[in-house]
Structure formats: structure tokens, C-alpha cells
PDB file of all heavy atoms in Angstrom:
ATOM      1  N   ILE A   1     -14.132  -9.633  -1.765  1.00  0.00           N
ATOM      2  CA  ILE A   1     -13.494  -8.429  -1.218  1.00  0.00           C
ATOM      3  C   ILE A   1     -12.228  -8.804  -0.459  1.00  0.00           C
ATOM      4  O   ILE A   1     -11.198  -8.129  -0.558  1.00  0.00           O
ATOM      5  CB  ILE A   1     -14.483  -7.666  -0.320  1.00  0.00           C
ATOM      6  CG1 ILE A   1     -15.623  -7.077  -1.172  1.00  0.00           C
ATOM      7  CG2 ILE A   1     -13.767  -6.558   0.453  1.00  0.00           C
ATOM      8  CD1 ILE A   1     -16.719  -6.431  -0.373  1.00  0.00           C
ATOM      9  N   GLU A   2     -12.286  -9.902   0.297  1.00  0.00           N
ATOM     10  CA  GLU A   2     -11.101 -10.329   1.043  1.00  0.00           C
ATOM     11  C   GLU A   2      -9.961 -10.707   0.091  1.00  0.00           C
ATOM     12  O   GLU A   2      -8.793 -10.446   0.377  1.00  0.00           O
ATOM     13  CB  GLU A   2     -11.449 -11.499   1.959  1.00  0.00           C
ATOM     14  CG  GLU A   2     -12.312 -11.120   3.153  1.00  0.00           C
ATOM     15  CD  GLU A   2     -11.685 -10.017   3.973  1.00  0.00           C
ATOM     16  OE1 GLU A   2     -10.516 -10.139   4.379  1.00  0.00           O
ATOM     17  OE2 GLU A   2     -12.361  -8.989   4.205  1.00  0.00           O
ATOM     18  N   GLU A   3     -10.280 -11.305  -1.036  1.00  0.00           N
ATOM     19  CA  GLU A   3      -9.216 -11.634  -1.995  1.00  0.00           C
ATOM     20  C   GLU A   3      -8.627 -10.372  -2.609  1.00  0.00           C
ATOM     21  O   GLU A   3      -7.418 -10.299  -2.851  1.00  0.00           O
ATOM     22  CB  GLU A   3      -9.733 -12.565  -3.095  1.00  0.00           C
ATOM     23  CG  GLU A   3      -8.659 -12.904  -4.121  1.00  0.00           C
ATOM     24  CD  GLU A   3      -8.916 -14.191  -4.870  1.00  0.00           C
ATOM     25  OE1 GLU A   3      -9.557 -15.093  -4.323  1.00  0.00           O
ATOM     26  OE2 GLU A   3      -8.449 -14.284  -6.016  1.00  0.00           O
ATOM     27  N   GLU A   4      -9.462  -9.376  -2.863  1.00  0.00           N
ATOM     28  CA  GLU A   4      -8.959  -8.111  -3.386  1.00  0.00           C
ATOM     29  C   GLU A   4      -8.019  -7.457  -2.368  1.00  0.00           C
ATOM     30  O   GLU A   4      -7.006  -6.853  -2.731  1.00  0.00           O
ATOM     31  CB  GLU A   4     -10.122  -7.174  -3.717  1.00  0.00           C
ATOM     32  CG  GLU A   4     -11.003  -7.649  -4.866  1.00  0.00           C
ATOM     33  CD  GLU A   4     -10.323  -7.512  -6.221  1.00  0.00           C
ATOM     34  OE1 GLU A   4      -9.678  -6.482  -6.459  1.00  0.00           O
ATOM     35  OE2 GLU A   4     -10.427  -8.449  -7.028  1.00  0.00           O
ATOM     36  N   ARG A   5      -8.333  -7.577  -1.078  1.00  0.00           N
ATOM     37  CA  ARG A   5      -7.447  -7.053  -0.036  1.00  0.00           C
ATOM     38  C   ARG A   5      -6.096  -7.774  -0.102  1.00  0.00           C
ATOM     39  O   ARG A   5      -5.038  -7.162   0.005  1.00  0.00           O
ATOM     40  CB  ARG A   5      -8.081  -7.241   1.337  1.00  0.00           C
ATOM     41  CG  ARG A   5      -7.284  -6.575   2.482  1.00  0.00           C
ATOM     42  CD  ARG A   5      -7.730  -7.059   3.861  1.00  0.00           C
ATOM     43  NE  ARG A   5      -9.171  -7.088   4.025  1.00  0.00           N
ATOM     44  CZ  ARG A   5      -9.924  -6.036   4.324  1.00  0.00           C
ATOM     45  NH1 ARG A   5      -9.360  -4.865   4.496  1.00  0.00           N
ATOM     46  NH2 ARG A   5     -11.232  -6.157   4.455  1.00  0.00           N
ATOM     47  N   ARG A   6      -6.141  -9.088  -0.285  1.00  0.00           N
ATOM     48  CA  ARG A   6      -4.895  -9.866  -0.360  1.00  0.00           C
ATOM     49  C   ARG A   6      -4.080  -9.474  -1.589  1.00  0.00           C
ATOM     50  O   ARG A   6      -2.844  -9.500  -1.568  1.00  0.00           O
ATOM     51  CB  ARG A   6      -5.214 -11.360  -0.357  1.00  0.00           C
ATOM     52  CG  ARG A   6      -5.833 -11.854   0.943  1.00  0.00           C
ATOM     53  CD  ARG A   6      -5.846 -13.359   1.046  1.00  0.00           C
ATOM     54  NE  ARG A   6      -6.711 -14.025   0.094  1.00  0.00           N
ATOM     55  CZ  ARG A   6      -7.986 -14.345   0.324  1.00  0.00           C
ATOM     56  NH1 ARG A   6      -8.553 -14.049   1.483  1.00  0.00           N
ATOM     57  NH2 ARG A   6      -8.689 -14.970  -0.595  1.00  0.00           N
ATOM     58  N   LEU A   7      -4.757  -9.094  -2.671  1.00  0.00           N
ATOM     59  CA  LEU A   7      -4.038  -8.634  -3.869  1.00  0.00           C
ATOM     60  C   LEU A   7      -3.197  -7.400  -3.561  1.00  0.00           C
ATOM     61  O   LEU A   7      -2.036  -7.300  -3.977  1.00  0.00           O
ATOM     62  CB  LEU A   7      -5.030  -8.318  -4.989  1.00  0.00           C
ATOM     63  CG  LEU A   7      -5.297  -9.399  -6.029  1.00  0.00           C
ATOM     64  CD1 LEU A   7      -6.433  -8.965  -6.942  1.00  0.00           C
ATOM     65  CD2 LEU A   7      -4.048  -9.676  -6.849  1.00  0.00           C
ATOM     66  N   LEU A   8      -3.793  -6.432  -2.853  1.00  0.00           N
ATOM     67  CA  LEU A   8      -3.038  -5.235  -2.492  1.00  0.00           C
ATOM     68  C   LEU A   8      -1.866  -5.601  -1.592  1.00  0.00           C
ATOM     69  O   LEU A   8      -0.757  -5.077  -1.750  1.00  0.00           O
ATOM     70  CB  LEU A   8      -3.952  -4.217  -1.794  1.00  0.00           C
ATOM     71  CG  LEU A   8      -3.268  -2.937  -1.306  1.00  0.00           C
ATOM     72  CD1 LEU A   8      -2.583  -2.203  -2.450  1.00  0.00           C
ATOM     73  CD2 LEU A   8      -4.277  -2.020  -0.604  1.00  0.00           C
ATOM     74  N   TYR A   9      -2.083  -6.507  -0.658  1.00  0.00           N
ATOM     75  CA  TYR A   9      -1.014  -6.954   0.243  1.00  0.00           C
ATOM     76  C   TYR A   9       0.128  -7.586  -0.548  1.00  0.00           C
ATOM     77  O   TYR A   9       1.305  -7.295  -0.299  1.00  0.00           O
ATOM     78  CB  TYR A   9      -1.605  -7.951   1.238  1.00  0.00           C
ATOM     79  CG  TYR A   9      -0.597  -8.619   2.150  1.00  0.00           C
ATOM     80  CD1 TYR A   9      -0.103  -7.969   3.274  1.00  0.00           C
ATOM     81  CD2 TYR A   9      -0.158  -9.915   1.897  1.00  0.00           C
ATOM     82  CE1 TYR A   9       0.805  -8.587   4.126  1.00  0.00           C
ATOM     83  CE2 TYR A   9       0.749 -10.544   2.734  1.00  0.00           C
ATOM     84  CZ  TYR A   9       1.231  -9.872   3.843  1.00  0.00           C
ATOM     85  OH  TYR A   9       2.134 -10.499   4.673  1.00  0.00           O
ATOM     86  N   VAL A  10      -0.203  -8.437  -1.509  1.00  0.00           N
ATOM     87  CA  VAL A  10       0.828  -9.065  -2.347  1.00  0.00           C
ATOM     88  C   VAL A  10       1.618  -8.001  -3.093  1.00  0.00           C
ATOM     89  O   VAL A  10       2.851  -8.043  -3.166  1.00  0.00           O
ATOM     90  CB  VAL A  10       0.196 -10.080  -3.326  1.00  0.00           C
ATOM     91  CG1 VAL A  10       1.197 -10.503  -4.394  1.00  0.00           C
ATOM     92  CG2 VAL A  10      -0.309 -11.304  -2.577  1.00  0.00           C
ATOM     93  N   ALA A  11       0.919  -7.020  -3.667  1.00  0.00           N
ATOM     94  CA  ALA A  11       1.608  -5.956  -4.408  1.00  0.00           C
ATOM     95  C   ALA A  11       2.558  -5.188  -3.493  1.00  0.00           C
ATOM     96  O   ALA A  11       3.711  -4.918  -3.850  1.00  0.00           O
ATOM     97  CB  ALA A  11       0.581  -5.003  -5.024  1.00  0.00           C
ATOM     98  N   MET A  12       2.108  -4.840  -2.298  1.00  0.00           N
ATOM     99  CA  MET A  12       2.934  -4.047  -1.381  1.00  0.00           C
ATOM    100  C   MET A  12       4.177  -4.818  -0.932  1.00  0.00           C
ATOM    101  O   MET A  12       5.253  -4.238  -0.778  1.00  0.00           O
ATOM    102  CB  MET A  12       2.107  -3.629  -0.166  1.00  0.00           C
ATOM    103  CG  MET A  12       0.986  -2.652  -0.485  1.00  0.00           C
ATOM    104  SD  MET A  12      -0.088  -2.302   0.933  1.00  0.00           S
ATOM    105  CE  MET A  12       1.049  -1.410   1.999  1.00  0.00           C
ATOM    106  N   THR A  13       4.038  -6.120  -0.731  1.00  0.00           N
ATOM    107  CA  THR A  13       5.160  -6.905  -0.206  1.00  0.00           C
ATOM    108  C   THR A  13       6.147  -7.333  -1.278  1.00  0.00           C
ATOM    109  O   THR A  13       7.069  -8.100  -1.003  1.00  0.00           O
ATOM    110  CB  THR A  13       4.634  -8.144   0.555  1.00  0.00           C
ATOM    111  OG1 THR A  13       3.732  -8.879  -0.284  1.00  0.00           O
ATOM    112  CG2 THR A  13       3.923  -7.734   1.830  1.00  0.00           C
ATOM    113  N   ARG A  14       5.980  -6.833  -2.501  1.00  0.00           N
ATOM    114  CA  ARG A  14       7.007  -7.063  -3.540  1.00  0.00           C
ATOM    115  C   ARG A  14       8.162  -6.074  -3.391  1.00  0.00           C
ATOM    116  O   ARG A  14       9.235  -6.272  -3.973  1.00  0.00           O
ATOM    117  CB  ARG A  14       6.427  -6.895  -4.954  1.00  0.00           C
ATOM    118  CG  ARG A  14       5.273  -7.803  -5.372  1.00  0.00           C
ATOM    119  CD  ARG A  14       5.511  -9.251  -5.092  1.00  0.00           C
ATOM    120  NE  ARG A  14       4.955  -9.644  -3.815  1.00  0.00           N
ATOM    121  CZ  ARG A  14       5.287 -10.740  -3.150  1.00  0.00           C
ATOM    122  NH1 ARG A  14       6.210 -11.541  -3.622  1.00  0.00           N
ATOM    123  NH2 ARG A  14       4.713 -11.032  -1.993  1.00  0.00           N
ATOM    124  N   ALA A  15       7.955  -4.970  -2.667  1.00  0.00           N
ATOM    125  CA  ALA A  15       8.938  -3.874  -2.613  1.00  0.00           C
ATOM    126  C   ALA A  15       9.985  -4.127  -1.543  1.00  0.00           C
ATOM    127  O   ALA A  15       9.658  -4.490  -0.408  1.00  0.00           O
ATOM    128  CB  ALA A  15       8.220  -2.555  -2.339  1.00  0.00           C
ATOM    129  N   LYS A  16      11.236  -3.885  -1.889  1.00  0.00           N
ATOM    130  CA  LYS A  16      12.333  -4.042  -0.936  1.00  0.00           C
ATOM    131  C   LYS A  16      12.652  -2.725  -0.227  1.00  0.00           C
ATOM    132  O   LYS A  16      12.798  -2.677   0.990  1.00  0.00           O
ATOM    133  CB  LYS A  16      13.581  -4.566  -1.666  1.00  0.00           C
ATOM    134  CG  LYS A  16      13.390  -5.940  -2.268  1.00  0.00           C
ATOM    135  CD  LYS A  16      14.466  -6.288  -3.279  1.00  0.00           C
ATOM    136  CE  LYS A  16      15.797  -6.556  -2.628  1.00  0.00           C
ATOM    137  NZ  LYS A  16      16.799  -7.040  -3.622  1.00  0.00           N
ATOM    138  N   ASP A  17      12.781  -1.638  -0.985  1.00  0.00           N
ATOM    139  CA  ASP A  17      13.244  -0.362  -0.423  1.00  0.00           C
ATOM    140  C   ASP A  17      12.220   0.758  -0.523  1.00  0.00           C
ATOM    141  O   ASP A  17      12.046   1.532   0.413  1.00  0.00           O
ATOM    142  CB  ASP A  17      14.536   0.075  -1.123  1.00  0.00           C
ATOM    143  CG  ASP A  17      15.657  -0.930  -0.969  1.00  0.00           C
ATOM    144  OD1 ASP A  17      15.663  -1.659   0.042  1.00  0.00           O
ATOM    145  OD2 ASP A  17      16.522  -1.008  -1.865  1.00  0.00           O
ATOM    146  N   ASP A  18      11.573   0.880  -1.682  1.00  0.00           N
ATOM    147  CA  ASP A  18      10.666   2.010  -1.918  1.00  0.00           C
ATOM    148  C   ASP A  18       9.364   1.503  -2.505  1.00  0.00           C
ATOM    149  O   ASP A  18       9.360   0.697  -3.446  1.00  0.00           O
ATOM    150  CB  ASP A  18      11.300   3.018  -2.887  1.00  0.00           C
ATOM    151  CG  ASP A  18      12.543   3.677  -2.294  1.00  0.00           C
ATOM    152  OD1 ASP A  18      12.400   4.406  -1.312  1.00  0.00           O
ATOM    153  OD2 ASP A  18      13.650   3.422  -2.816  1.00  0.00           O
ATOM    154  N   LEU A  19       8.264   2.015  -1.959  1.00  0.00           N
ATOM    155  CA  LEU A  19       6.933   1.617  -2.412  1.00  0.00           C
ATOM    156  C   LEU A  19       6.101   2.866  -2.667  1.00  0.00           C
ATOM    157  O   LEU A  19       6.018   3.746  -1.814  1.00  0.00           O
ATOM    158  CB  LEU A  19       6.260   0.739  -1.351  1.00  0.00           C
ATOM    159  CG  LEU A  19       4.801   0.344  -1.593  1.00  0.00           C
ATOM    160  CD1 LEU A  19       4.664  -0.494  -2.860  1.00  0.00           C
ATOM    161  CD2 LEU A  19       4.258  -0.421  -0.380  1.00  0.00           C
ATOM    162  N   HIS A  20       5.490   2.935  -3.850  1.00  0.00           N
ATOM    163  CA  HIS A  20       4.652   4.069  -4.240  1.00  0.00           C
ATOM    164  C   HIS A  20       3.263   3.540  -4.583  1.00  0.00           C
ATOM    165  O   HIS A  20       3.110   2.760  -5.541  1.00  0.00           O
ATOM    166  CB  HIS A  20       5.224   4.784  -5.475  1.00  0.00           C
ATOM    167  CG  HIS A  20       6.655   5.197  -5.344  1.00  0.00           C
ATOM    168  ND1 HIS A  20       7.044   6.516  -5.262  1.00  0.00           N
ATOM    169  CD2 HIS A  20       7.805   4.467  -5.291  1.00  0.00           C
ATOM    170  CE1 HIS A  20       8.364   6.580  -5.168  1.00  0.00           C
ATOM    171  NE2 HIS A  20       8.844   5.344  -5.179  1.00  0.00           N
ATOM    172  N   LEU A  21       2.255   3.940  -3.839  1.00  0.00           N
ATOM    173  CA  LEU A  21       0.874   3.610  -4.158  1.00  0.00           C
ATOM    174  C   LEU A  21       0.247   4.858  -4.770  1.00  0.00           C
ATOM    175  O   LEU A  21       0.143   5.888  -4.111  1.00  0.00           O
ATOM    176  CB  LEU A  21       0.112   3.188  -2.901  1.00  0.00           C
ATOM    177  CG  LEU A  21       0.720   2.046  -2.078  1.00  0.00           C
ATOM    178  CD1 LEU A  21      -0.174   1.719  -0.884  1.00  0.00           C
ATOM    179  CD2 LEU A  21       0.937   0.813  -2.925  1.00  0.00           C
ATOM    180  N   VAL A  22      -0.149   4.781  -6.029  1.00  0.00           N
ATOM    181  CA  VAL A  22      -0.571   5.967  -6.769  1.00  0.00           C
ATOM    182  C   VAL A  22      -2.101   6.006  -6.842  1.00  0.00           C
ATOM    183  O   VAL A  22      -2.750   5.021  -7.220  1.00  0.00           O
ATOM    184  CB  VAL A  22       0.044   5.988  -8.182  1.00  0.00           C
ATOM    185  CG1 VAL A  22      -0.181   7.358  -8.821  1.00  0.00           C
ATOM    186  CG2 VAL A  22       1.540   5.673  -8.124  1.00  0.00           C
ATOM    187  N   VAL A  23      -2.644   7.171  -6.500  1.00  0.00           N
ATOM    188  CA  VAL A  23      -4.096   7.337  -6.389  1.00  0.00           C
ATOM    189  C   VAL A  23      -4.544   8.431  -7.362  1.00  0.00           C
ATOM    190  O   VAL A  23      -4.487   9.622  -7.030  1.00  0.00           O
ATOM    191  CB  VAL A  23      -4.497   7.717  -4.948  1.00  0.00           C
ATOM    192  CG1 VAL A  23      -6.015   7.814  -4.817  1.00  0.00           C
ATOM    193  CG2 VAL A  23      -3.944   6.711  -3.948  1.00  0.00           C
ATOM    194  N   PRO A  24      -4.965   8.067  -8.566  1.00  0.00           N
ATOM    195  CA  PRO A  24      -5.469   9.096  -9.497  1.00  0.00           C
ATOM    196  C   PRO A  24      -6.873   9.548  -9.081  1.00  0.00           C
ATOM    197  O   PRO A  24      -7.706   8.727  -8.675  1.00  0.00           O
ATOM    198  CB  PRO A  24      -5.499   8.366 -10.846  1.00  0.00           C
ATOM    199  CG  PRO A  24      -5.613   6.921 -10.499  1.00  0.00           C
ATOM    200  CD  PRO A  24      -4.923   6.731  -9.183  1.00  0.00           C
ATOM    201  N   GLN A  25      -7.122  10.841  -9.169  1.00  0.00           N
ATOM    202  CA  GLN A  25      -8.443  11.352  -8.811  1.00  0.00           C
ATOM    203  C   GLN A  25      -9.479  10.985  -9.873  1.00  0.00           C
ATOM    204  O   GLN A  25     -10.661  10.862  -9.576  1.00  0.00           O
ATOM    205  CB  GLN A  25      -8.381  12.871  -8.629  1.00  0.00           C
ATOM    206  CG  GLN A  25      -7.491  13.279  -7.466  1.00  0.00           C
ATOM    207  CD  GLN A  25      -7.268  14.782  -7.416  1.00  0.00           C
ATOM    208  OE1 GLN A  25      -7.943  15.536  -8.119  1.00  0.00           O
ATOM    209  NE2 GLN A  25      -6.333  15.224  -6.588  1.00  0.00           N
ATOM    210  N   ARG A  26      -9.014  10.835 -11.111  1.00  0.00           N
ATOM    211  CA  ARG A  26      -9.903  10.413 -12.196  1.00  0.00           C
ATOM    212  C   ARG A  26      -9.208   9.292 -12.947  1.00  0.00           C
ATOM    213  O   ARG A  26      -8.013   9.339 -13.190  1.00  0.00           O
ATOM    214  CB  ARG A  26     -10.185  11.563 -13.171  1.00  0.00           C
ATOM    215  CG  ARG A  26     -10.868  12.769 -12.569  1.00  0.00           C
ATOM    216  CD  ARG A  26     -10.936  13.912 -13.572  1.00  0.00           C
ATOM    217  NE  ARG A  26     -11.941  13.720 -14.592  1.00  0.00           N
ATOM    218  CZ  ARG A  26     -11.710  13.752 -15.914  1.00  0.00           C
ATOM    219  NH1 ARG A  26     -10.496  13.937 -16.366  1.00  0.00           N
ATOM    220  NH2 ARG A  26     -12.689  13.590 -16.769  1.00  0.00           N
ATOM    221  N   PHE A  27      -9.970   8.270 -13.308  1.00  0.00           N
ATOM    222  CA  PHE A  27      -9.375   7.226 -14.143  1.00  0.00           C
ATOM    223  C   PHE A  27     -10.413   6.717 -15.133  1.00  0.00           C
ATOM    224  O   PHE A  27     -11.616   6.834 -14.923  1.00  0.00           O
ATOM    225  CB  PHE A  27      -8.793   6.084 -13.299  1.00  0.00           C
ATOM    226  CG  PHE A  27      -9.825   5.205 -12.630  1.00  0.00           C
ATOM    227  CD1 PHE A  27     -10.247   4.029 -13.222  1.00  0.00           C
ATOM    228  CD2 PHE A  27     -10.353   5.549 -11.399  1.00  0.00           C
ATOM    229  CE1 PHE A  27     -11.189   3.227 -12.602  1.00  0.00           C
ATOM    230  CE2 PHE A  27     -11.287   4.746 -10.772  1.00  0.00           C
ATOM    231  CZ  PHE A  27     -11.713   3.580 -11.378  1.00  0.00           C
TER     232      PHE A  27
END
């Protein structure tokens, strides 16, 4: 679980100006 948290952190810190986290209600 801690590694999965770090994955999200890595994804977020790739953005310079704009970051969009998309949450589909169904997938």
C-alpha cells in the first residue's frame, strides 16, 4: 500500500503547471 501511495506521488510530481486527477464513477 505504501508503494502504491508513492506511485501517486510520482505521478503528481511530473506536472509543472497543470495537474488533473480524474475520478471515474464507474470503470
